[in-house]
Full PDB file with SEQRES, HELIX, SHEET, SSBOND, CRYST1, ORIGX, SCALE, CONECT and MASTER records, all heavy atoms in Angstrom:
SEQRES   1 A   31  GLU MET PRO GLN ASP PHE LEU THR TYR PRO TYR MET LEU          
SEQRES   2 A   31  GLY ASN LYS ALA GLU VAL LYS ASN MET CYS ILE THR GLU          
SEQRES   3 A   31  TYR ASN GLU ALA GLU                                          
HELIX    1 AA1 TYR A    9  GLY A   14  1                                   6    
HELIX    2 AA2 LYS A   16  ALA A   30  1                                  15    
CRYST1    1.000    1.000    1.000  90.00  90.00  90.00 P 1           1          
ORIGX1      1.000000  0.000000  0.000000        0.00000                         
ORIGX2      0.000000  1.000000  0.000000        0.00000                         
ORIGX3      0.000000  0.000000  1.000000        0.00000                         
SCALE1      1.000000  0.000000  0.000000        0.00000                         
SCALE2      0.000000  1.000000  0.000000        0.00000                         
SCALE3      0.000000  0.000000  1.000000        0.00000                         
ATOM      1  N   GLU A   1      -0.807-152.833 -61.516  1.00  0.00           N  
ATOM      2  CA  GLU A   1      -1.433-153.386 -62.740  1.00  0.00           C  
ATOM      3  C   GLU A   1      -1.387-152.403 -63.964  1.00  0.00           C  
ATOM      4  O   GLU A   1      -2.003-152.757 -64.983  1.00  0.00           O  
ATOM      5  CB  GLU A   1      -2.764-153.900 -62.368  1.00  0.00           C  
ATOM      6  CG  GLU A   1      -2.838-155.029 -61.409  1.00  0.00           C  
ATOM      7  CD  GLU A   1      -4.209-155.452 -61.036  1.00  0.00           C  
ATOM      8  OE1 GLU A   1      -5.164-154.984 -61.638  1.00  0.00           O  
ATOM      9  OE2 GLU A   1      -4.269-156.460 -60.170  1.00  0.00           O  
ATOM     10  N   MET A   2      -0.750-151.203 -63.763  1.00  0.00           N  
ATOM     11  CA  MET A   2      -0.845-150.291 -64.824  1.00  0.00           C  
ATOM     12  C   MET A   2      -0.030-150.817 -66.072  1.00  0.00           C  
ATOM     13  O   MET A   2       1.109-151.435 -65.843  1.00  0.00           O  
ATOM     14  CB  MET A   2      -0.173-148.965 -64.423  1.00  0.00           C  
ATOM     15  CG  MET A   2      -0.075-147.883 -65.519  1.00  0.00           C  
ATOM     16  SD  MET A   2       0.818-146.408 -65.007  1.00  0.00           S  
ATOM     17  CE  MET A   2      -0.071-145.896 -63.536  1.00  0.00           C  
ATOM     18  N   PRO A   3      -0.555-150.807 -67.216  1.00  0.00           N  
ATOM     19  CA  PRO A   3       0.159-151.242 -68.410  1.00  0.00           C  
ATOM     20  C   PRO A   3       1.564-150.600 -68.557  1.00  0.00           C  
ATOM     21  O   PRO A   3       1.605-149.348 -68.375  1.00  0.00           O  
ATOM     22  CB  PRO A   3      -0.788-150.979 -69.613  1.00  0.00           C  
ATOM     23  CG  PRO A   3      -2.108-150.860 -68.941  1.00  0.00           C  
ATOM     24  CD  PRO A   3      -1.905-150.304 -67.578  1.00  0.00           C  
ATOM     25  N   GLN A   4       2.576-151.248 -68.970  1.00  0.00           N  
ATOM     26  CA  GLN A   4       3.833-150.556 -69.116  1.00  0.00           C  
ATOM     27  C   GLN A   4       3.961-149.742 -70.307  1.00  0.00           C  
ATOM     28  O   GLN A   4       4.999-148.909 -70.350  1.00  0.00           O  
ATOM     29  CB  GLN A   4       4.910-151.752 -69.024  1.00  0.00           C  
ATOM     30  CG  GLN A   4       5.002-152.567 -67.768  1.00  0.00           C  
ATOM     31  CD  GLN A   4       6.147-153.583 -67.821  1.00  0.00           C  
ATOM     32  OE1 GLN A   4       6.864-153.698 -68.725  1.00  0.00           O  
ATOM     33  NE2 GLN A   4       6.205-154.369 -66.758  1.00  0.00           N  
ATOM     34  N   ASP A   5       3.014-149.828 -71.207  1.00  0.00           N  
ATOM     35  CA  ASP A   5       3.174-148.948 -72.418  1.00  0.00           C  
ATOM     36  C   ASP A   5       2.484-147.647 -72.135  1.00  0.00           C  
ATOM     37  O   ASP A   5       2.490-146.725 -73.018  1.00  0.00           O  
ATOM     38  CB  ASP A   5       2.590-149.621 -73.631  1.00  0.00           C  
ATOM     39  CG  ASP A   5       1.158-149.989 -73.529  1.00  0.00           C  
ATOM     40  OD1 ASP A   5       0.594-149.971 -72.373  1.00  0.00           O  
ATOM     41  OD2 ASP A   5       0.536-150.241 -74.499  1.00  0.00           O  
ATOM     42  N   PHE A   6       1.982-147.351 -70.891  1.00  0.00           N  
ATOM     43  CA  PHE A   6       1.415-145.995 -70.667  1.00  0.00           C  
ATOM     44  C   PHE A   6       2.512-145.022 -70.590  1.00  0.00           C  
ATOM     45  O   PHE A   6       3.585-145.301 -70.018  1.00  0.00           O  
ATOM     46  CB  PHE A   6       0.675-146.091 -69.290  1.00  0.00           C  
ATOM     47  CG  PHE A   6      -0.797-146.405 -69.322  1.00  0.00           C  
ATOM     48  CD1 PHE A   6      -1.214-147.245 -70.277  1.00  0.00           C  
ATOM     49  CD2 PHE A   6      -1.594-146.159 -68.349  1.00  0.00           C  
ATOM     50  CE1 PHE A   6      -2.509-147.608 -70.348  1.00  0.00           C  
ATOM     51  CE2 PHE A   6      -3.000-146.538 -68.390  1.00  0.00           C  
ATOM     52  CZ  PHE A   6      -3.412-147.307 -69.445  1.00  0.00           C  
ATOM     53  N   LEU A   7       2.303-143.865 -71.138  1.00  0.00           N  
ATOM     54  CA  LEU A   7       3.307-142.875 -71.107  1.00  0.00           C  
ATOM     55  C   LEU A   7       3.865-142.472 -69.742  1.00  0.00           C  
ATOM     56  O   LEU A   7       4.985-142.155 -69.527  1.00  0.00           O  
ATOM     57  CB  LEU A   7       2.751-141.591 -71.883  1.00  0.00           C  
ATOM     58  CG  LEU A   7       3.718-140.394 -72.123  1.00  0.00           C  
ATOM     59  CD1 LEU A   7       4.805-140.931 -73.067  1.00  0.00           C  
ATOM     60  CD2 LEU A   7       2.938-139.298 -72.777  1.00  0.00           C  
ATOM     61  N   THR A   8       3.033-142.499 -68.824  1.00  0.00           N  
ATOM     62  CA  THR A   8       3.424-142.138 -67.412  1.00  0.00           C  
ATOM     63  C   THR A   8       3.895-143.246 -66.606  1.00  0.00           C  
ATOM     64  O   THR A   8       4.289-143.039 -65.419  1.00  0.00           O  
ATOM     65  CB  THR A   8       2.172-141.482 -66.659  1.00  0.00           C  
ATOM     66  OG1 THR A   8       1.096-142.473 -66.614  1.00  0.00           O  
ATOM     67  CG2 THR A   8       1.710-140.220 -67.354  1.00  0.00           C  
ATOM     68  N   TYR A   9       3.990-144.453 -67.190  1.00  0.00           N  
ATOM     69  CA  TYR A   9       4.325-145.573 -66.240  1.00  0.00           C  
ATOM     70  C   TYR A   9       5.815-145.429 -65.682  1.00  0.00           C  
ATOM     71  O   TYR A   9       5.961-145.725 -64.491  1.00  0.00           O  
ATOM     72  CB  TYR A   9       4.417-146.870 -67.207  1.00  0.00           C  
ATOM     73  CG  TYR A   9       4.880-148.028 -66.455  1.00  0.00           C  
ATOM     74  CD1 TYR A   9       3.985-148.782 -65.719  1.00  0.00           C  
ATOM     75  CD2 TYR A   9       6.225-148.569 -66.564  1.00  0.00           C  
ATOM     76  CE1 TYR A   9       4.394-149.914 -64.954  1.00  0.00           C  
ATOM     77  CE2 TYR A   9       6.602-149.632 -65.906  1.00  0.00           C  
ATOM     78  CZ  TYR A   9       5.767-150.367 -65.016  1.00  0.00           C  
ATOM     79  OH  TYR A   9       6.098-151.432 -64.419  1.00  0.00           O  
ATOM     80  N   PRO A  10       6.859-144.945 -66.383  1.00  0.00           N  
ATOM     81  CA  PRO A  10       8.131-144.778 -65.776  1.00  0.00           C  
ATOM     82  C   PRO A  10       8.053-143.770 -64.513  1.00  0.00           C  
ATOM     83  O   PRO A  10       8.762-144.012 -63.525  1.00  0.00           O  
ATOM     84  CB  PRO A  10       9.008-144.221 -66.901  1.00  0.00           C  
ATOM     85  CG  PRO A  10       8.350-144.573 -68.141  1.00  0.00           C  
ATOM     86  CD  PRO A  10       6.908-144.623 -67.822  1.00  0.00           C  
ATOM     87  N   TYR A  11       7.265-142.750 -64.709  1.00  0.00           N  
ATOM     88  CA  TYR A  11       7.128-141.773 -63.666  1.00  0.00           C  
ATOM     89  C   TYR A  11       6.421-142.409 -62.447  1.00  0.00           C  
ATOM     90  O   TYR A  11       6.878-142.303 -61.249  1.00  0.00           O  
ATOM     91  CB  TYR A  11       6.470-140.482 -64.038  1.00  0.00           C  
ATOM     92  CG  TYR A  11       6.187-139.518 -62.889  1.00  0.00           C  
ATOM     93  CD1 TYR A  11       7.226-138.695 -62.460  1.00  0.00           C  
ATOM     94  CD2 TYR A  11       4.910-139.604 -62.202  1.00  0.00           C  
ATOM     95  CE1 TYR A  11       6.947-137.898 -61.380  1.00  0.00           C  
ATOM     96  CE2 TYR A  11       4.678-138.757 -61.111  1.00  0.00           C  
ATOM     97  CZ  TYR A  11       5.743-137.899 -60.655  1.00  0.00           C  
ATOM     98  OH  TYR A  11       5.601-137.136 -59.624  1.00  0.00           O  
ATOM     99  N   MET A  12       5.351-143.109 -62.716  1.00  0.00           N  
ATOM    100  CA  MET A  12       4.557-143.712 -61.606  1.00  0.00           C  
ATOM    101  C   MET A  12       5.436-144.834 -60.855  1.00  0.00           C  
ATOM    102  O   MET A  12       5.353-144.869 -59.716  1.00  0.00           O  
ATOM    103  CB  MET A  12       3.284-144.370 -62.202  1.00  0.00           C  
ATOM    104  CG  MET A  12       2.391-143.480 -62.907  1.00  0.00           C  
ATOM    105  SD  MET A  12       1.542-142.326 -61.721  1.00  0.00           S  
ATOM    106  CE  MET A  12       0.310-141.733 -62.724  1.00  0.00           C  
ATOM    107  N   LEU A  13       6.146-145.657 -61.584  1.00  0.00           N  
ATOM    108  CA  LEU A  13       6.949-146.648 -61.051  1.00  0.00           C  
ATOM    109  C   LEU A  13       8.075-145.997 -60.169  1.00  0.00           C  
ATOM    110  O   LEU A  13       8.325-146.428 -59.029  1.00  0.00           O  
ATOM    111  CB  LEU A  13       7.574-147.536 -62.105  1.00  0.00           C  
ATOM    112  CG  LEU A  13       8.462-148.708 -61.613  1.00  0.00           C  
ATOM    113  CD1 LEU A  13       7.538-149.685 -60.877  1.00  0.00           C  
ATOM    114  CD2 LEU A  13       8.984-149.349 -62.753  1.00  0.00           C  
ATOM    115  N   GLY A  14       8.738-144.912 -60.768  1.00  0.00           N  
ATOM    116  CA  GLY A  14       9.844-144.363 -60.060  1.00  0.00           C  
ATOM    117  C   GLY A  14       9.492-143.530 -58.838  1.00  0.00           C  
ATOM    118  O   GLY A  14      10.304-143.268 -57.879  1.00  0.00           O  
ATOM    119  N   ASN A  15       8.156-143.126 -58.782  1.00  0.00           N  
ATOM    120  CA  ASN A  15       7.725-142.332 -57.697  1.00  0.00           C  
ATOM    121  C   ASN A  15       6.400-142.863 -56.981  1.00  0.00           C  
ATOM    122  O   ASN A  15       5.585-142.225 -56.641  1.00  0.00           O  
ATOM    123  CB  ASN A  15       7.252-140.852 -58.215  1.00  0.00           C  
ATOM    124  CG  ASN A  15       8.548-140.201 -58.788  1.00  0.00           C  
ATOM    125  OD1 ASN A  15       9.419-139.776 -58.070  1.00  0.00           O  
ATOM    126  ND2 ASN A  15       8.543-140.191 -60.128  1.00  0.00           N  
ATOM    127  N   LYS A  16       6.539-144.270 -56.987  1.00  0.00           N  
ATOM    128  CA  LYS A  16       5.279-144.987 -56.491  1.00  0.00           C  
ATOM    129  C   LYS A  16       4.665-144.490 -55.133  1.00  0.00           C  
ATOM    130  O   LYS A  16       3.577-144.283 -54.873  1.00  0.00           O  
ATOM    131  CB  LYS A  16       5.553-146.485 -56.481  1.00  0.00           C  
ATOM    132  CG  LYS A  16       4.332-147.423 -56.218  1.00  0.00           C  
ATOM    133  CD  LYS A  16       4.675-148.736 -56.364  1.00  0.00           C  
ATOM    134  CE  LYS A  16       3.398-149.588 -56.046  1.00  0.00           C  
ATOM    135  NZ  LYS A  16       3.723-151.093 -56.202  1.00  0.00           N  
ATOM    136  N   ALA A  17       5.693-144.404 -54.173  1.00  0.00           N  
ATOM    137  CA  ALA A  17       5.183-143.922 -52.808  1.00  0.00           C  
ATOM    138  C   ALA A  17       4.536-142.561 -52.832  1.00  0.00           C  
ATOM    139  O   ALA A  17       3.442-142.383 -52.234  1.00  0.00           O  
ATOM    140  CB  ALA A  17       6.384-143.910 -51.815  1.00  0.00           C  
ATOM    141  N   GLU A  18       5.231-141.624 -53.559  1.00  0.00           N  
ATOM    142  CA  GLU A  18       4.594-140.265 -53.652  1.00  0.00           C  
ATOM    143  C   GLU A  18       3.248-140.265 -54.400  1.00  0.00           C  
ATOM    144  O   GLU A  18       2.292-139.622 -53.989  1.00  0.00           O  
ATOM    145  CB  GLU A  18       5.566-139.333 -54.325  1.00  0.00           C  
ATOM    146  CG  GLU A  18       5.048-137.910 -54.362  1.00  0.00           C  
ATOM    147  CD  GLU A  18       6.022-136.934 -55.039  1.00  0.00           C  
ATOM    148  OE1 GLU A  18       7.146-137.447 -55.515  1.00  0.00           O  
ATOM    149  OE2 GLU A  18       5.707-135.765 -55.242  1.00  0.00           O  
ATOM    150  N   VAL A  19       3.175-140.997 -55.463  1.00  0.00           N  
ATOM    151  CA  VAL A  19       1.955-141.079 -56.193  1.00  0.00           C  
ATOM    152  C   VAL A  19       0.804-141.712 -55.383  1.00  0.00           C  
ATOM    153  O   VAL A  19      -0.265-141.223 -55.336  1.00  0.00           O  
ATOM    154  CB  VAL A  19       2.174-141.868 -57.540  1.00  0.00           C  
ATOM    155  CG1 VAL A  19       0.827-142.234 -58.230  1.00  0.00           C  
ATOM    156  CG2 VAL A  19       3.091-141.129 -58.473  1.00  0.00           C  
ATOM    157  N   LYS A  20       1.162-142.816 -54.764  1.00  0.00           N  
ATOM    158  CA  LYS A  20       0.223-143.491 -53.729  1.00  0.00           C  
ATOM    159  C   LYS A  20      -0.291-142.467 -52.730  1.00  0.00           C  
ATOM    160  O   LYS A  20      -1.467-142.429 -52.461  1.00  0.00           O  
ATOM    161  CB  LYS A  20       0.893-144.711 -53.198  1.00  0.00           C  
ATOM    162  CG  LYS A  20      -0.055-145.559 -52.380  1.00  0.00           C  
ATOM    163  CD  LYS A  20       0.851-146.756 -51.849  1.00  0.00           C  
ATOM    164  CE  LYS A  20      -0.055-147.500 -50.874  1.00  0.00           C  
ATOM    165  NZ  LYS A  20       0.710-148.684 -50.427  1.00  0.00           N  
ATOM    166  N   ASN A  21       0.661-141.734 -52.100  1.00  0.00           N  
ATOM    167  CA  ASN A  21       0.188-140.814 -51.024  1.00  0.00           C  
ATOM    168  C   ASN A  21      -0.601-139.808 -51.585  1.00  0.00           C  
ATOM    169  O   ASN A  21      -1.629-139.327 -51.000  1.00  0.00           O  
ATOM    170  CB  ASN A  21       1.515-140.215 -50.419  1.00  0.00           C  
ATOM    171  CG  ASN A  21       1.181-139.411 -49.234  1.00  0.00           C  
ATOM    172  OD1 ASN A  21       0.364-139.748 -48.412  1.00  0.00           O  
ATOM    173  ND2 ASN A  21       1.749-138.257 -49.146  1.00  0.00           N  
ATOM    174  N   MET A  22      -0.303-139.177 -52.819  1.00  0.00           N  
ATOM    175  CA  MET A  22      -1.099-138.196 -53.359  1.00  0.00           C  
ATOM    176  C   MET A  22      -2.594-138.704 -53.738  1.00  0.00           C  
ATOM    177  O   MET A  22      -3.602-138.001 -53.480  1.00  0.00           O  
ATOM    178  CB  MET A  22      -0.508-137.699 -54.805  1.00  0.00           C  
ATOM    179  CG  MET A  22       0.573-136.783 -54.523  1.00  0.00           C  
ATOM    180  SD  MET A  22       1.497-136.256 -56.010  1.00  0.00           S  
ATOM    181  CE  MET A  22       0.187-136.255 -57.239  1.00  0.00           C  
ATOM    182  N   CYS A  23      -2.662-139.932 -54.200  1.00  0.00           N  
ATOM    183  CA  CYS A  23      -4.005-140.482 -54.483  1.00  0.00           C  
ATOM    184  C   CYS A  23      -4.883-140.619 -53.231  1.00  0.00           C  
ATOM    185  O   CYS A  23      -6.048-140.350 -53.207  1.00  0.00           O  
ATOM    186  CB  CYS A  23      -3.836-141.892 -55.163  1.00  0.00           C  
ATOM    187  SG  CYS A  23      -3.294-141.769 -56.866  1.00  0.00           S  
ATOM    188  N   ILE A  24      -4.215-141.106 -52.134  1.00  0.00           N  
ATOM    189  CA  ILE A  24      -4.959-141.273 -50.922  1.00  0.00           C  
ATOM    190  C   ILE A  24      -5.354-139.916 -50.239  1.00  0.00           C  
ATOM    191  O   ILE A  24      -6.403-139.769 -49.802  1.00  0.00           O  
ATOM    192  CB  ILE A  24      -4.051-142.158 -49.903  1.00  0.00           C  
ATOM    193  CG1 ILE A  24      -3.933-143.571 -50.417  1.00  0.00           C  
ATOM    194  CG2 ILE A  24      -4.638-142.125 -48.520  1.00  0.00           C  
ATOM    195  CD1 ILE A  24      -2.880-144.384 -49.761  1.00  0.00           C  
ATOM    196  N   THR A  25      -4.406-138.919 -50.302  1.00  0.00           N  
ATOM    197  CA  THR A  25      -4.711-137.656 -49.831  1.00  0.00           C  
ATOM    198  C   THR A  25      -5.783-136.957 -50.592  1.00  0.00           C  
ATOM    199  O   THR A  25      -6.727-136.386 -49.968  1.00  0.00           O  
ATOM    200  CB  THR A  25      -3.483-136.778 -49.915  1.00  0.00           C  
ATOM    201  OG1 THR A  25      -2.364-137.393 -49.152  1.00  0.00           O  
ATOM    202  CG2 THR A  25      -3.681-135.364 -49.342  1.00  0.00           C  
ATOM    203  N   GLU A  26      -5.837-137.069 -51.919  1.00  0.00           N  
ATOM    204  CA  GLU A  26      -6.911-136.484 -52.672  1.00  0.00           C  
ATOM    205  C   GLU A  26      -8.314-137.046 -52.306  1.00  0.00           C  
ATOM    206  O   GLU A  26      -9.256-136.439 -52.246  1.00  0.00           O  
ATOM    207  CB  GLU A  26      -6.631-136.711 -54.202  1.00  0.00           C  
ATOM    208  CG  GLU A  26      -5.520-135.772 -54.653  1.00  0.00           C  
ATOM    209  CD  GLU A  26      -5.802-134.355 -54.587  1.00  0.00           C  
ATOM    210  OE1 GLU A  26      -6.946-133.921 -54.966  1.00  0.00           O  
ATOM    211  OE2 GLU A  26      -4.877-133.608 -54.209  1.00  0.00           O  
ATOM    212  N   TYR A  27      -8.243-138.439 -52.132  1.00  0.00           N  
ATOM    213  CA  TYR A  27      -9.485-139.104 -51.759  1.00  0.00           C  
ATOM    214  C   TYR A  27      -9.996-138.609 -50.501  1.00  0.00           C  
ATOM    215  O   TYR A  27     -11.096-138.210 -50.287  1.00  0.00           O  
ATOM    216  CB  TYR A  27      -9.251-140.550 -51.641  1.00  0.00           C  
ATOM    217  CG  TYR A  27     -10.449-141.315 -51.120  1.00  0.00           C  
ATOM    218  CD1 TYR A  27     -11.498-141.664 -51.918  1.00  0.00           C  
ATOM    219  CD2 TYR A  27     -10.497-141.728 -49.855  1.00  0.00           C  
ATOM    220  CE1 TYR A  27     -12.650-142.325 -51.540  1.00  0.00           C  
ATOM    221  CE2 TYR A  27     -11.586-142.417 -49.285  1.00  0.00           C  
ATOM    222  CZ  TYR A  27     -12.586-142.777 -50.194  1.00  0.00           C  
ATOM    223  OH  TYR A  27     -13.638-143.383 -49.657  1.00  0.00           O  
ATOM    224  N   ASN A  28      -9.103-138.533 -49.384  1.00  0.00           N  
ATOM    225  CA  ASN A  28      -9.488-138.018 -48.210  1.00  0.00           C  
ATOM    226  C   ASN A  28      -9.965-136.546 -48.159  1.00  0.00           C  
ATOM    227  O   ASN A  28     -10.873-136.130 -47.462  1.00  0.00           O  
ATOM    228  CB  ASN A  28      -8.351-138.170 -47.167  1.00  0.00           C  
ATOM    229  CG  ASN A  28      -8.172-139.573 -46.865  1.00  0.00           C  
ATOM    230  OD1 ASN A  28      -9.053-140.511 -47.041  1.00  0.00           O  
ATOM    231  ND2 ASN A  28      -7.012-140.017 -46.292  1.00  0.00           N  
ATOM    232  N   GLU A  29      -9.265-135.792 -49.033  1.00  0.00           N  
ATOM    233  CA  GLU A  29      -9.674-134.311 -49.163  1.00  0.00           C  
ATOM    234  C   GLU A  29     -11.093-134.215 -49.669  1.00  0.00           C  
ATOM    235  O   GLU A  29     -11.894-133.423 -49.179  1.00  0.00           O  
ATOM    236  CB  GLU A  29      -8.697-133.640 -50.096  1.00  0.00           C  
ATOM    237  CG  GLU A  29      -8.999-132.176 -50.183  1.00  0.00           C  
ATOM    238  CD  GLU A  29      -8.007-131.446 -51.091  1.00  0.00           C  
ATOM    239  OE1 GLU A  29      -7.039-132.009 -51.462  1.00  0.00           O  
ATOM    240  OE2 GLU A  29      -8.415-130.260 -51.475  1.00  0.00           O  
ATOM    241  N   ALA A  30     -11.456-134.929 -50.643  1.00  0.00           N  
ATOM    242  CA  ALA A  30     -12.846-134.866 -51.148  1.00  0.00           C  
ATOM    243  C   ALA A  30     -13.931-135.216 -50.059  1.00  0.00           C  
ATOM    244  O   ALA A  30     -14.946-134.518 -49.919  1.00  0.00           O  
ATOM    245  CB  ALA A  30     -12.990-135.738 -52.291  1.00  0.00           C  
ATOM    246  N   GLU A  31     -13.547-136.257 -49.308  1.00  0.00           N  
ATOM    247  CA  GLU A  31     -14.477-136.736 -48.244  1.00  0.00           C  
ATOM    248  C   GLU A  31     -14.565-135.652 -47.160  1.00  0.00           C  
ATOM    249  O   GLU A  31     -15.663-135.358 -46.581  1.00  0.00           O  
ATOM    250  CB  GLU A  31     -13.944-137.931 -47.576  1.00  0.00           C  
ATOM    251  CG  GLU A  31     -14.793-138.627 -46.565  1.00  0.00           C  
ATOM    252  CD  GLU A  31     -14.269-139.901 -46.027  1.00  0.00           C  
ATOM    253  OE1 GLU A  31     -13.410-139.794 -45.155  1.00  0.00           O  
ATOM    254  OE2 GLU A  31     -14.583-140.946 -46.553  1.00  0.00           O  
TER     255      GLU A  31                                                      
MASTER        0    0    0    2    0    0    0    6  254    1    0    3          
END                                                                             
């Protein structure tokens, strides 16, 4: 649901699996 006009949108879209994994890992690390 990220707006396509966000500066980081192309990176996020192109690296979605890695970005997703990083977000989940960071969450678990904090816990």
